[in-house]
Amino acid sequence: MDDDWPARRREAALAHDRARRRAEEAETARARDLVDHFLTRARELELPTQALRARAYSGSAQYRTGLRGWYLQPSGPLAVGDDGGWYVLITPPSLLARLRGVRIAPGAPSLAVGRGARDGESMSLQELLDRRLAAGAGFRRYTGSS
């Protein structure tokens, strides 16, 4: 019987976890570079910013965030703030938030947007940012409300 087996398994699991974290950090760094490039290009192209609003999980309510930036999809919750932050503008529903607004913290972008979503709902971050830049000042946000 190998008495050292549990220790070797623990070390292998720790090494695997360290490698996974390094890969995630490298992906986040590359994605942040893409977002920084988008921010630079959006400013060079003088794309207008707009007030960013978060929506409730159900999509039925919208809340002020105090942020300005660029939505990346006509109906999606993703945005780049004029501060260079990556924002997923979804929040729990709240009556108080309708009055006061919500605070959304910037998150870590991923190179694959919508990873794990249904077929056709995911794309590369590069493609998403390129599409938004190509839409230019004519980009229109669809909010679902009239």
N, C-alpha and C. Protein backbone atom coordinates (compact mmCIF):
# COMPACT_ATOMS: atom_id res chain seq x y z
N MET A 1 0.84 -1.19 0.00
CA MET A 1 0.00 0.00 0.00
C MET A 1 0.88 1.24 0.00
N ASP A 2 0.48 2.24 -0.74
CA ASP A 2 1.24 3.48 -0.90
C ASP A 2 0.71 4.51 0.10
N ASP A 3 1.44 4.71 1.22
CA ASP A 3 1.01 5.65 2.26
C ASP A 3 1.13 7.11 1.81
N ASP A 4 1.96 7.36 0.81
CA ASP A 4 2.19 8.72 0.34
C ASP A 4 1.19 9.16 -0.72
N TRP A 5 0.32 8.26 -1.17
CA TRP A 5 -0.62 8.56 -2.24
C TRP A 5 -1.51 9.76 -1.94
N PRO A 6 -2.13 9.87 -0.75
CA PRO A 6 -2.98 11.05 -0.48
C PRO A 6 -2.21 12.36 -0.58
N ALA A 7 -0.98 12.38 -0.12
CA ALA A 7 -0.18 13.60 -0.19
C ALA A 7 0.14 13.95 -1.65
N ARG A 8 0.44 12.96 -2.46
CA ARG A 8 0.71 13.20 -3.88
C ARG A 8 -0.54 13.71 -4.59
N ARG A 9 -1.67 13.17 -4.26
CA ARG A 9 -2.94 13.61 -4.87
C ARG A 9 -3.24 15.06 -4.49
N ARG A 10 -3.03 15.39 -3.20
CA ARG A 10 -3.24 16.77 -2.75
C ARG A 10 -2.32 17.72 -3.50
N GLU A 11 -1.04 17.36 -3.62
CA GLU A 11 -0.09 18.22 -4.33
C GLU A 11 -0.47 18.36 -5.81
N ALA A 12 -0.91 17.28 -6.42
CA ALA A 12 -1.34 17.35 -7.82
C ALA A 12 -2.55 18.26 -7.97
N ALA A 13 -3.49 18.16 -7.04
CA ALA A 13 -4.68 19.03 -7.09
C ALA A 13 -4.29 20.49 -6.90
N LEU A 14 -3.38 20.77 -5.99
CA LEU A 14 -2.92 22.14 -5.77
C LEU A 14 -2.19 22.68 -7.01
N ALA A 15 -1.35 21.84 -7.62
CA ALA A 15 -0.64 22.26 -8.83
C ALA A 15 -1.63 22.55 -9.96
N HIS A 16 -2.64 21.72 -10.09
CA HIS A 16 -3.66 21.93 -11.11
C HIS A 16 -4.40 23.24 -10.85
N ASP A 17 -4.73 23.52 -9.60
CA ASP A 17 -5.43 24.76 -9.26
C ASP A 17 -4.56 25.97 -9.54
N ARG A 18 -3.26 25.89 -9.22
CA ARG A 18 -2.35 27.01 -9.51
C ARG A 18 -2.26 27.26 -11.02
N ALA A 19 -2.18 26.19 -11.80
CA ALA A 19 -2.11 26.34 -13.25
C ALA A 19 -3.39 26.96 -13.80
N ARG A 20 -4.55 26.53 -13.27
CA ARG A 20 -5.84 27.09 -13.70
C ARG A 20 -5.90 28.58 -13.38
N ARG A 21 -5.47 28.96 -12.18
CA ARG A 21 -5.49 30.38 -11.81
C ARG A 21 -4.56 31.21 -12.68
N ARG A 22 -3.38 30.67 -12.99
CA ARG A 22 -2.44 31.40 -13.87
C ARG A 22 -3.06 31.59 -15.26
N ALA A 23 -3.71 30.56 -15.77
CA ALA A 23 -4.36 30.66 -17.09
C ALA A 23 -5.48 31.69 -17.06
N GLU A 24 -6.28 31.70 -15.99
CA GLU A 24 -7.37 32.68 -15.88
C GLU A 24 -6.81 34.10 -15.79
N GLU A 25 -5.73 34.27 -15.02
CA GLU A 25 -5.12 35.60 -14.90
C GLU A 25 -4.56 36.07 -16.22
N ALA A 26 -3.95 35.16 -16.99
CA ALA A 26 -3.42 35.52 -18.31
C ALA A 26 -4.56 35.89 -19.26
N GLU A 27 -5.66 35.16 -19.21
CA GLU A 27 -6.80 35.47 -20.06
C GLU A 27 -7.39 36.83 -19.69
N THR A 28 -7.53 37.09 -18.41
CA THR A 28 -8.07 38.37 -17.95
C THR A 28 -7.16 39.51 -18.39
N ALA A 29 -5.85 39.32 -18.29
CA ALA A 29 -4.91 40.37 -18.70
C ALA A 29 -5.05 40.66 -20.20
N ARG A 30 -5.16 39.61 -21.01
CA ARG A 30 -5.34 39.80 -22.46
C ARG A 30 -6.67 40.50 -22.75
N ALA A 31 -7.72 40.09 -22.04
CA ALA A 31 -9.04 40.71 -22.24
C ALA A 31 -9.00 42.18 -21.81
N ARG A 32 -8.32 42.48 -20.72
CA ARG A 32 -8.21 43.89 -20.29
C ARG A 32 -7.48 44.72 -21.34
N ASP A 33 -6.46 44.13 -21.98
CA ASP A 33 -5.77 44.83 -23.07
C ASP A 33 -6.73 45.17 -24.20
N LEU A 34 -7.61 44.22 -24.55
CA LEU A 34 -8.60 44.47 -25.60
C LEU A 34 -9.56 45.58 -25.20
N VAL A 35 -9.99 45.57 -23.94
CA VAL A 35 -10.90 46.62 -23.45
C VAL A 35 -10.19 47.97 -23.46
N ASP A 36 -8.92 48.00 -23.05
CA ASP A 36 -8.15 49.25 -23.08
C ASP A 36 -8.03 49.78 -24.50
N HIS A 37 -7.79 48.88 -25.46
CA HIS A 37 -7.70 49.28 -26.86
C HIS A 37 -9.04 49.83 -27.34
N PHE A 38 -10.13 49.17 -26.94
CA PHE A 38 -11.47 49.67 -27.30
C PHE A 38 -11.65 51.08 -26.75
N LEU A 39 -11.30 51.29 -25.50
CA LEU A 39 -11.47 52.61 -24.87
C LEU A 39 -10.69 53.67 -25.65
N THR A 40 -9.47 53.35 -26.02
CA THR A 40 -8.65 54.29 -26.80
C THR A 40 -9.31 54.60 -28.14
N ARG A 41 -9.73 53.56 -28.85
CA ARG A 41 -10.35 53.75 -30.16
C ARG A 41 -11.68 54.51 -30.05
N ALA A 42 -12.49 54.18 -29.05
CA ALA A 42 -13.77 54.88 -28.88
C ALA A 42 -13.54 56.37 -28.66
N ARG A 43 -12.52 56.69 -27.90
CA ARG A 43 -12.20 58.11 -27.68
C ARG A 43 -11.67 58.77 -28.94
N GLU A 44 -10.80 58.05 -29.67
CA GLU A 44 -10.27 58.59 -30.93
C GLU A 44 -11.39 58.85 -31.93
N LEU A 45 -12.36 57.94 -31.97
CA LEU A 45 -13.48 58.07 -32.90
C LEU A 45 -14.55 59.03 -32.37
N GLU A 46 -14.34 59.53 -31.15
CA GLU A 46 -15.26 60.44 -30.50
C GLU A 46 -16.67 59.84 -30.40
N LEU A 47 -16.72 58.55 -30.08
CA LEU A 47 -18.02 57.92 -29.87
C LEU A 47 -18.64 58.49 -28.60
N PRO A 48 -19.86 58.93 -28.68
CA PRO A 48 -20.49 59.51 -27.48
C PRO A 48 -20.75 58.45 -26.42
N THR A 49 -20.53 58.83 -25.18
CA THR A 49 -20.88 57.95 -24.07
C THR A 49 -22.34 58.20 -23.71
N GLN A 50 -22.88 57.33 -22.91
CA GLN A 50 -24.23 57.54 -22.40
C GLN A 50 -24.30 57.02 -20.98
N ALA A 51 -25.33 57.46 -20.28
CA ALA A 51 -25.54 56.98 -18.92
C ALA A 51 -25.85 55.48 -19.00
N LEU A 52 -25.13 54.70 -18.20
CA LEU A 52 -25.34 53.26 -18.20
C LEU A 52 -26.36 52.90 -17.13
N ARG A 53 -27.30 52.06 -17.51
CA ARG A 53 -28.35 51.63 -16.60
C ARG A 53 -28.27 50.11 -16.44
N ALA A 54 -28.44 49.68 -15.21
CA ALA A 54 -28.48 48.24 -14.93
C ALA A 54 -29.92 47.78 -15.02
N ARG A 55 -30.10 46.51 -15.30
CA ARG A 55 -31.46 45.97 -15.32
C ARG A 55 -31.56 44.86 -14.30
N ALA A 56 -32.79 44.64 -13.85
CA ALA A 56 -33.06 43.57 -12.90
C ALA A 56 -32.89 42.23 -13.61
N TYR A 57 -32.62 41.19 -12.84
CA TYR A 57 -32.48 39.84 -13.40
C TYR A 57 -33.63 39.51 -14.33
N SER A 58 -34.82 39.90 -13.93
CA SER A 58 -36.01 39.59 -14.72
C SER A 58 -36.10 40.45 -15.97
N GLY A 59 -35.32 41.52 -16.01
CA GLY A 59 -35.35 42.43 -17.15
C GLY A 59 -36.49 43.42 -17.11
N SER A 60 -37.28 43.38 -16.04
CA SER A 60 -38.47 44.22 -16.00
C SER A 60 -38.22 45.63 -15.45
N ALA A 61 -37.11 45.85 -14.79
CA ALA A 61 -36.83 47.17 -14.22
C ALA A 61 -35.42 47.59 -14.58
N GLN A 62 -35.22 48.90 -14.67
CA GLN A 62 -33.90 49.45 -14.94
C GLN A 62 -33.54 50.43 -13.84
N TYR A 63 -32.25 50.50 -13.54
CA TYR A 63 -31.78 51.32 -12.44
C TYR A 63 -30.61 52.20 -12.87
N ARG A 64 -30.58 53.42 -12.37
CA ARG A 64 -29.43 54.31 -12.60
C ARG A 64 -28.19 53.71 -11.93
N THR A 65 -27.03 53.92 -12.55
CA THR A 65 -25.79 53.41 -11.97
C THR A 65 -24.79 54.51 -11.64
N GLY A 66 -24.98 55.69 -12.20
CA GLY A 66 -24.00 56.76 -12.02
C GLY A 66 -22.79 56.58 -12.94
N LEU A 67 -22.83 55.57 -13.80
CA LEU A 67 -21.73 55.30 -14.72
C LEU A 67 -22.05 55.85 -16.11
N ARG A 68 -21.00 56.16 -16.84
CA ARG A 68 -21.13 56.53 -18.25
C ARG A 68 -20.21 55.63 -19.04
N GLY A 69 -20.61 55.37 -20.28
CA GLY A 69 -19.76 54.54 -21.11
C GLY A 69 -20.48 54.12 -22.37
N TRP A 70 -20.10 52.95 -22.87
CA TRP A 70 -20.62 52.43 -24.12
C TRP A 70 -21.23 51.05 -23.91
N TYR A 71 -22.50 50.90 -24.24
CA TYR A 71 -23.09 49.56 -24.27
C TYR A 71 -22.45 48.83 -25.44
N LEU A 72 -22.30 47.52 -25.32
CA LEU A 72 -21.64 46.75 -26.36
C LEU A 72 -22.60 45.98 -27.25
N GLN A 73 -23.83 45.83 -26.81
CA GLN A 73 -24.84 45.11 -27.58
C GLN A 73 -26.14 45.91 -27.52
N PRO A 74 -26.95 45.85 -28.57
CA PRO A 74 -28.21 46.60 -28.54
C PRO A 74 -29.12 46.21 -27.38
N SER A 75 -29.16 44.95 -27.01
CA SER A 75 -30.06 44.54 -25.92
C SER A 75 -29.33 43.86 -24.77
N GLY A 76 -28.02 43.75 -24.84
CA GLY A 76 -27.28 43.03 -23.81
C GLY A 76 -26.85 43.90 -22.65
N PRO A 77 -26.41 43.27 -21.58
CA PRO A 77 -26.05 43.99 -20.37
C PRO A 77 -24.59 44.39 -20.28
N LEU A 78 -23.80 44.16 -21.32
CA LEU A 78 -22.36 44.40 -21.24
C LEU A 78 -22.02 45.82 -21.67
N ALA A 79 -21.06 46.41 -20.95
CA ALA A 79 -20.65 47.78 -21.27
C ALA A 79 -19.21 47.99 -20.86
N VAL A 80 -18.59 48.97 -21.50
CA VAL A 80 -17.29 49.46 -21.09
C VAL A 80 -17.53 50.88 -20.58
N GLY A 81 -17.12 51.13 -19.36
CA GLY A 81 -17.29 52.46 -18.79
C GLY A 81 -16.25 53.42 -19.31
N ASP A 82 -16.53 54.72 -19.23
CA ASP A 82 -15.54 55.70 -19.65
C ASP A 82 -14.34 55.71 -18.72
N ASP A 83 -14.43 54.96 -17.61
CA ASP A 83 -13.32 54.76 -16.70
C ASP A 83 -12.47 53.55 -17.11
N GLY A 84 -12.86 52.86 -18.20
CA GLY A 84 -12.15 51.68 -18.66
C GLY A 84 -12.61 50.39 -18.01
N GLY A 85 -13.59 50.48 -17.14
CA GLY A 85 -14.09 49.28 -16.45
C GLY A 85 -14.98 48.43 -17.35
N TRP A 86 -15.00 47.14 -17.06
CA TRP A 86 -15.85 46.17 -17.76
C TRP A 86 -17.06 45.94 -16.86
N TYR A 87 -18.25 46.18 -17.38
CA TYR A 87 -19.45 46.10 -16.55
C TYR A 87 -20.47 45.12 -17.11
N VAL A 88 -20.98 44.30 -16.23
CA VAL A 88 -22.14 43.46 -16.51
C VAL A 88 -23.28 44.11 -15.74
N LEU A 89 -24.19 44.73 -16.45
CA LEU A 89 -25.20 45.59 -15.85
C LEU A 89 -26.48 44.83 -15.52
N ILE A 90 -26.34 43.87 -14.62
CA ILE A 90 -27.48 43.09 -14.14
C ILE A 90 -27.42 43.10 -12.61
N THR A 91 -28.58 43.26 -12.00
CA THR A 91 -28.62 43.37 -10.54
C THR A 91 -29.93 42.77 -10.02
N PRO A 92 -29.97 42.41 -8.75
CA PRO A 92 -31.24 41.93 -8.20
C PRO A 92 -32.30 43.04 -8.23
N PRO A 93 -33.57 42.66 -8.37
CA PRO A 93 -34.62 43.68 -8.35
C PRO A 93 -34.72 44.33 -6.97
N SER A 94 -35.04 45.61 -6.96
CA SER A 94 -35.13 46.32 -5.69
C SER A 94 -35.96 47.58 -5.86
N LEU A 95 -36.93 47.75 -4.99
CA LEU A 95 -37.73 48.97 -5.01
C LEU A 95 -36.88 50.17 -4.61
N LEU A 96 -36.03 50.00 -3.61
CA LEU A 96 -35.16 51.08 -3.17
C LEU A 96 -34.20 51.50 -4.29
N ALA A 97 -33.73 50.54 -5.06
CA ALA A 97 -32.81 50.85 -6.16
C ALA A 97 -33.50 51.69 -7.23
N ARG A 98 -34.81 51.55 -7.37
CA ARG A 98 -35.53 52.39 -8.33
C ARG A 98 -35.43 53.86 -7.94
N LEU A 99 -35.34 54.11 -6.64
CA LEU A 99 -35.24 55.48 -6.14
C LEU A 99 -33.81 55.98 -6.09
N ARG A 100 -32.92 55.15 -5.58
CA ARG A 100 -31.54 55.57 -5.34
C ARG A 100 -30.54 55.17 -6.41
N GLY A 101 -30.89 54.18 -7.23
CA GLY A 101 -29.94 53.65 -8.19
C GLY A 101 -29.13 52.52 -7.56
N VAL A 102 -28.22 51.97 -8.31
CA VAL A 102 -27.39 50.86 -7.83
C VAL A 102 -25.93 51.16 -8.12
N ARG A 103 -25.08 50.49 -7.38
CA ARG A 103 -23.64 50.55 -7.63
C ARG A 103 -23.24 49.24 -8.27
N ILE A 104 -22.61 49.34 -9.41
CA ILE A 104 -22.12 48.17 -10.12
C ILE A 104 -20.59 48.26 -10.12
N ALA A 105 -19.95 47.24 -9.62
CA ALA A 105 -18.48 47.20 -9.61
C ALA A 105 -17.97 46.65 -10.93
N PRO A 106 -16.84 47.18 -11.39
CA PRO A 106 -16.28 46.61 -12.62
C PRO A 106 -15.84 45.17 -12.37
N GLY A 107 -15.93 44.37 -13.42
CA GLY A 107 -15.57 42.97 -13.32
C GLY A 107 -14.37 42.64 -14.19
N ALA A 108 -14.04 41.38 -14.22
CA ALA A 108 -12.93 40.89 -15.03
C ALA A 108 -13.48 40.41 -16.37
N PRO A 109 -13.05 41.02 -17.45
CA PRO A 109 -13.53 40.57 -18.76
C PRO A 109 -12.94 39.21 -19.12
N SER A 110 -13.61 38.54 -20.02
CA SER A 110 -13.17 37.24 -20.51
C SER A 110 -13.00 37.32 -22.01
N LEU A 111 -12.10 36.52 -22.56
CA LEU A 111 -11.90 36.53 -24.01
C LEU A 111 -13.07 35.94 -24.76
N ALA A 112 -13.89 35.13 -24.08
CA ALA A 112 -15.08 34.53 -24.69
C ALA A 112 -16.30 35.08 -23.97
N VAL A 113 -17.03 35.95 -24.63
CA VAL A 113 -18.22 36.57 -24.04
C VAL A 113 -19.40 35.61 -24.21
N GLY A 114 -20.11 35.37 -23.13
CA GLY A 114 -21.26 34.47 -23.20
C GLY A 114 -20.88 33.00 -23.15
N ARG A 115 -19.68 32.71 -22.66
CA ARG A 115 -19.23 31.32 -22.55
C ARG A 115 -20.27 30.52 -21.76
N GLY A 116 -20.68 29.40 -22.30
CA GLY A 116 -21.68 28.57 -21.65
C GLY A 116 -23.10 28.92 -22.04
N ALA A 117 -23.27 29.94 -22.85
CA ALA A 117 -24.61 30.33 -23.28
C ALA A 117 -25.08 29.39 -24.39
N ARG A 118 -26.32 29.60 -24.81
CA ARG A 118 -26.86 28.79 -25.91
C ARG A 118 -26.05 29.04 -27.17
N ASP A 119 -26.13 28.10 -28.11
CA ASP A 119 -25.44 28.27 -29.39
C ASP A 119 -25.82 29.59 -30.02
N GLY A 120 -24.84 30.26 -30.56
CA GLY A 120 -25.09 31.53 -31.23
C GLY A 120 -25.11 32.72 -30.30
N GLU A 121 -25.01 32.50 -28.99
CA GLU A 121 -25.05 33.62 -28.04
C GLU A 121 -23.68 33.95 -27.49
N SER A 122 -22.66 33.21 -27.88
CA SER A 122 -21.32 33.53 -27.41
C SER A 122 -20.48 33.99 -28.59
N MET A 123 -19.48 34.81 -28.30
CA MET A 123 -18.56 35.29 -29.32
C MET A 123 -17.29 35.73 -28.63
N SER A 124 -16.29 35.98 -29.43
CA SER A 124 -15.04 36.45 -28.85
C SER A 124 -15.21 37.91 -28.40
N LEU A 125 -14.49 38.27 -27.38
CA LEU A 125 -14.51 39.65 -26.91
C LEU A 125 -14.03 40.58 -28.03
N GLN A 126 -13.01 40.15 -28.76
CA GLN A 126 -12.48 40.98 -29.86
C GLN A 126 -13.58 41.29 -30.87
N GLU A 127 -14.35 40.26 -31.25
CA GLU A 127 -15.43 40.46 -32.21
C GLU A 127 -16.49 41.41 -31.67
N LEU A 128 -16.86 41.24 -30.42
CA LEU A 128 -17.88 42.11 -29.81
C LEU A 128 -17.42 43.57 -29.80
N LEU A 129 -16.18 43.79 -29.39
CA LEU A 129 -15.67 45.17 -29.35
C LEU A 129 -15.53 45.75 -30.74
N ASP A 130 -15.07 44.93 -31.70
CA ASP A 130 -14.96 45.41 -33.08
C ASP A 130 -16.32 45.79 -33.65
N ARG A 131 -17.33 44.98 -33.36
CA ARG A 131 -18.68 45.28 -33.85
C ARG A 131 -19.19 46.59 -33.27
N ARG A 132 -18.92 46.81 -32.00
CA ARG A 132 -19.39 48.05 -31.37
C ARG A 132 -18.68 49.26 -31.97
N LEU A 133 -17.38 49.15 -32.19
CA LEU A 133 -16.66 50.26 -32.82
C LEU A 133 -17.18 50.51 -34.23
N ALA A 134 -17.46 49.44 -34.97
CA ALA A 134 -17.97 49.58 -36.33
C ALA A 134 -19.35 50.24 -36.35
N ALA A 135 -20.15 50.02 -35.32
CA ALA A 135 -21.48 50.63 -35.26
C ALA A 135 -21.38 52.14 -35.08
N GLY A 136 -20.29 52.59 -34.51
CA GLY A 136 -20.02 54.02 -34.37
C GLY A 136 -21.08 54.77 -33.59
N ALA A 137 -21.25 56.03 -33.93
CA ALA A 137 -22.20 56.90 -33.24
C ALA A 137 -23.64 56.53 -33.54
N GLY A 138 -23.87 55.72 -34.58
CA GLY A 138 -25.22 55.31 -34.93
C GLY A 138 -25.76 54.16 -34.10
N PHE A 139 -24.95 53.66 -33.16
CA PHE A 139 -25.39 52.55 -32.31
C PHE A 139 -26.62 52.94 -31.52
N ARG A 140 -27.61 52.08 -31.52
CA ARG A 140 -28.84 52.33 -30.76
C ARG A 140 -29.08 51.19 -29.81
N ARG A 141 -29.40 51.53 -28.60
CA ARG A 141 -29.67 50.56 -27.54
C ARG A 141 -31.14 50.23 -27.56
N TYR A 142 -31.46 48.94 -27.58
CA TYR A 142 -32.85 48.48 -27.48
C TYR A 142 -33.11 48.13 -26.04
N THR A 143 -34.07 48.80 -25.43
CA THR A 143 -34.34 48.58 -24.01
C THR A 143 -35.56 47.73 -23.78
N GLY A 144 -36.35 47.49 -24.79
CA GLY A 144 -37.54 46.68 -24.63
C GLY A 144 -38.73 47.45 -24.07
N SER A 145 -38.52 48.72 -23.72
CA SER A 145 -39.63 49.53 -23.21
C SER A 145 -39.87 50.69 -24.16
N SER A 146 -41.06 51.16 -24.17
CA SER A 146 -41.39 52.29 -25.06
C SER A 146 -41.73 53.52 -24.28
